[in-house]
């Protein structure tokens, strides 16, 4: 794995976790009186894992879209 790939994955997961943080805080505040600490921790872990997977899926779709557009651009450029 190159440094560029590591930085890309770090950005993806960092932004995913940053976006999940307000959701986690809100859920923790709302349900902390009703569930135990263990269940609350499990809910937080599930939310973080879901945000990481969703962030990775979105990044891969974006990468494929950019590659497709680049191919279309080069094909149009070669036709001209």
C-alpha atoms as a PDB file:
ATOM      1  CA  UNK A   1       0.000   0.000   0.000  1.00  0.00           C
ATOM      2  CA  UNK A   2       1.354   3.358  -1.010  1.00  0.00           C
ATOM      3  CA  UNK A   3       1.342   6.502   1.055  1.00  0.00           C
ATOM      4  CA  UNK A   4      -1.276   8.022  -1.257  1.00  0.00           C
ATOM      5  CA  UNK A   5      -3.660   5.096  -0.694  1.00  0.00           C
ATOM      6  CA  UNK A   6      -3.142   5.251   3.075  1.00  0.00           C
ATOM      7  CA  UNK A   7      -3.914   8.968   3.120  1.00  0.00           C
ATOM      8  CA  UNK A   8      -7.033   8.392   1.005  1.00  0.00           C
ATOM      9  CA  UNK A   9      -8.347   5.754   3.393  1.00  0.00           C
ATOM     10  CA  UNK A  10      -7.481   7.917   6.401  1.00  0.00           C
ATOM     11  CA  UNK A  11      -9.505  10.777   4.948  1.00  0.00           C
ATOM     12  CA  UNK A  12     -12.450   8.499   4.158  1.00  0.00           C
ATOM     13  CA  UNK A  13     -12.623   6.963   7.623  1.00  0.00           C
ATOM     14  CA  UNK A  14     -11.819  10.232   9.391  1.00  0.00           C
ATOM     15  CA  UNK A  15     -14.651  12.052   7.657  1.00  0.00           C
ATOM     16  CA  UNK A  16     -17.006   9.124   8.237  1.00  0.00           C
ATOM     17  CA  UNK A  17     -16.277   9.109  11.952  1.00  0.00           C
ATOM     18  CA  UNK A  18     -16.522  12.889  12.132  1.00  0.00           C
ATOM     19  CA  UNK A  19     -19.979  12.759  10.524  1.00  0.00           C
ATOM     20  CA  UNK A  20     -21.064   9.972  12.884  1.00  0.00           C
ATOM     21  CA  UNK A  21     -19.946  11.815  16.021  1.00  0.00           C
ATOM     22  CA  UNK A  22     -22.995  14.142  16.344  1.00  0.00           C
ATOM     23  CA  UNK A  23     -25.324  11.194  15.768  1.00  0.00           C
ATOM     24  CA  UNK A  24     -23.577   9.183  18.473  1.00  0.00           C
ATOM     25  CA  UNK A  25     -23.669  12.064  20.940  1.00  0.00           C
ATOM     26  CA  UNK A  26     -27.371  12.683  20.303  1.00  0.00           C
ATOM     27  CA  UNK A  27     -28.300   9.021  20.673  1.00  0.00           C
ATOM     28  CA  UNK A  28     -26.170   8.689  23.807  1.00  0.00           C
ATOM     29  CA  UNK A  29     -27.871  11.669  25.421  1.00  0.00           C
ATOM     30  CA  UNK A  30     -31.362  10.520  24.474  1.00  0.00           C
ATOM     31  CA  UNK A  31     -31.163   6.866  25.532  1.00  0.00           C
ATOM     32  CA  UNK A  32     -28.553   6.864  28.288  1.00  0.00           C
ATOM     33  CA  UNK A  33     -31.236   6.756  30.988  1.00  0.00           C
ATOM     34  CA  UNK A  34     -32.978   3.745  29.470  1.00  0.00           C
ATOM     35  CA  UNK A  35     -30.178   1.304  28.574  1.00  0.00           C
ATOM     36  CA  UNK A  36     -27.066   0.030  30.280  1.00  0.00           C
ATOM     37  CA  UNK A  37     -23.572   1.240  29.478  1.00  0.00           C
ATOM     38  CA  UNK A  38     -22.758  -2.028  27.692  1.00  0.00           C
ATOM     39  CA  UNK A  39     -25.724  -1.684  25.312  1.00  0.00           C
ATOM     40  CA  UNK A  40     -24.923   1.974  24.738  1.00  0.00           C
ATOM     41  CA  UNK A  41     -21.358   1.040  23.803  1.00  0.00           C
ATOM     42  CA  UNK A  42     -22.591  -1.640  21.401  1.00  0.00           C
ATOM     43  CA  UNK A  43     -24.907   0.866  19.736  1.00  0.00           C
ATOM     44  CA  UNK A  44     -22.007   3.305  19.343  1.00  0.00           C
ATOM     45  CA  UNK A  45     -19.812   0.608  17.799  1.00  0.00           C
ATOM     46  CA  UNK A  46     -22.546  -0.372  15.346  1.00  0.00           C
ATOM     47  CA  UNK A  47     -23.017   3.267  14.318  1.00  0.00           C
ATOM     48  CA  UNK A  48     -19.265   3.734  13.810  1.00  0.00           C
ATOM     49  CA  UNK A  49     -18.963   0.554  11.759  1.00  0.00           C
ATOM     50  CA  UNK A  50     -21.960   1.508   9.640  1.00  0.00           C
ATOM     51  CA  UNK A  51     -20.526   4.968   8.989  1.00  0.00           C
ATOM     52  CA  UNK A  52     -17.149   3.478   8.030  1.00  0.00           C
ATOM     53  CA  UNK A  53     -18.725   1.025   5.592  1.00  0.00           C
ATOM     54  CA  UNK A  54     -20.989   3.684   4.124  1.00  0.00           C
ATOM     55  CA  UNK A  55     -18.071   6.095   3.725  1.00  0.00           C
ATOM     56  CA  UNK A  56     -15.996   3.445   1.966  1.00  0.00           C
ATOM     57  CA  UNK A  57     -18.862   2.520  -0.380  1.00  0.00           C
ATOM     58  CA  UNK A  58     -19.446   6.165  -1.290  1.00  0.00           C
ATOM     59  CA  UNK A  59     -15.729   6.724  -1.910  1.00  0.00           C
ATOM     60  CA  UNK A  60     -15.497   3.668  -4.174  1.00  0.00           C
ATOM     61  CA  UNK A  61     -18.577   4.728  -6.163  1.00  0.00           C
ATOM     62  CA  UNK A  62     -17.071   8.200  -6.545  1.00  0.00           C
ATOM     63  CA  UNK A  63     -13.763   6.713  -7.679  1.00  0.00           C
ATOM     64  CA  UNK A  64     -15.549   4.599 -10.317  1.00  0.00           C
ATOM     65  CA  UNK A  65     -17.584   7.591 -11.490  1.00  0.00           C
ATOM     66  CA  UNK A  66     -14.457   9.733 -11.901  1.00  0.00           C
ATOM     67  CA  UNK A  67     -12.688   6.953 -13.808  1.00  0.00           C
ATOM     68  CA  UNK A  68     -15.699   6.570 -16.132  1.00  0.00           C
ATOM     69  CA  UNK A  69     -15.865  10.304 -16.783  1.00  0.00           C
ATOM     70  CA  UNK A  70     -12.102  10.384 -17.425  1.00  0.00           C
ATOM     71  CA  UNK A  71     -12.455   7.599 -20.001  1.00  0.00           C
ATOM     72  CA  UNK A  72     -15.337   9.414 -21.696  1.00  0.00           C
ATOM     73  CA  UNK A  73     -13.339  12.630 -21.788  1.00  0.00           C
ATOM     74  CA  UNK A  74     -10.317  10.918 -23.311  1.00  0.00           C
ATOM     75  CA  UNK A  75     -12.510   9.147 -25.873  1.00  0.00           C
ATOM     76  CA  UNK A  76     -14.121  12.447 -26.878  1.00  0.00           C
ATOM     77  CA  UNK A  77     -10.729  14.117 -27.016  1.00  0.00           C
ATOM     78  CA  UNK A  78      -9.335  11.409 -29.287  1.00  0.00           C
ATOM     79  CA  UNK A  79     -12.335  11.657 -31.646  1.00  0.00           C
ATOM     80  CA  UNK A  80     -11.838  15.383 -32.136  1.00  0.00           C
END
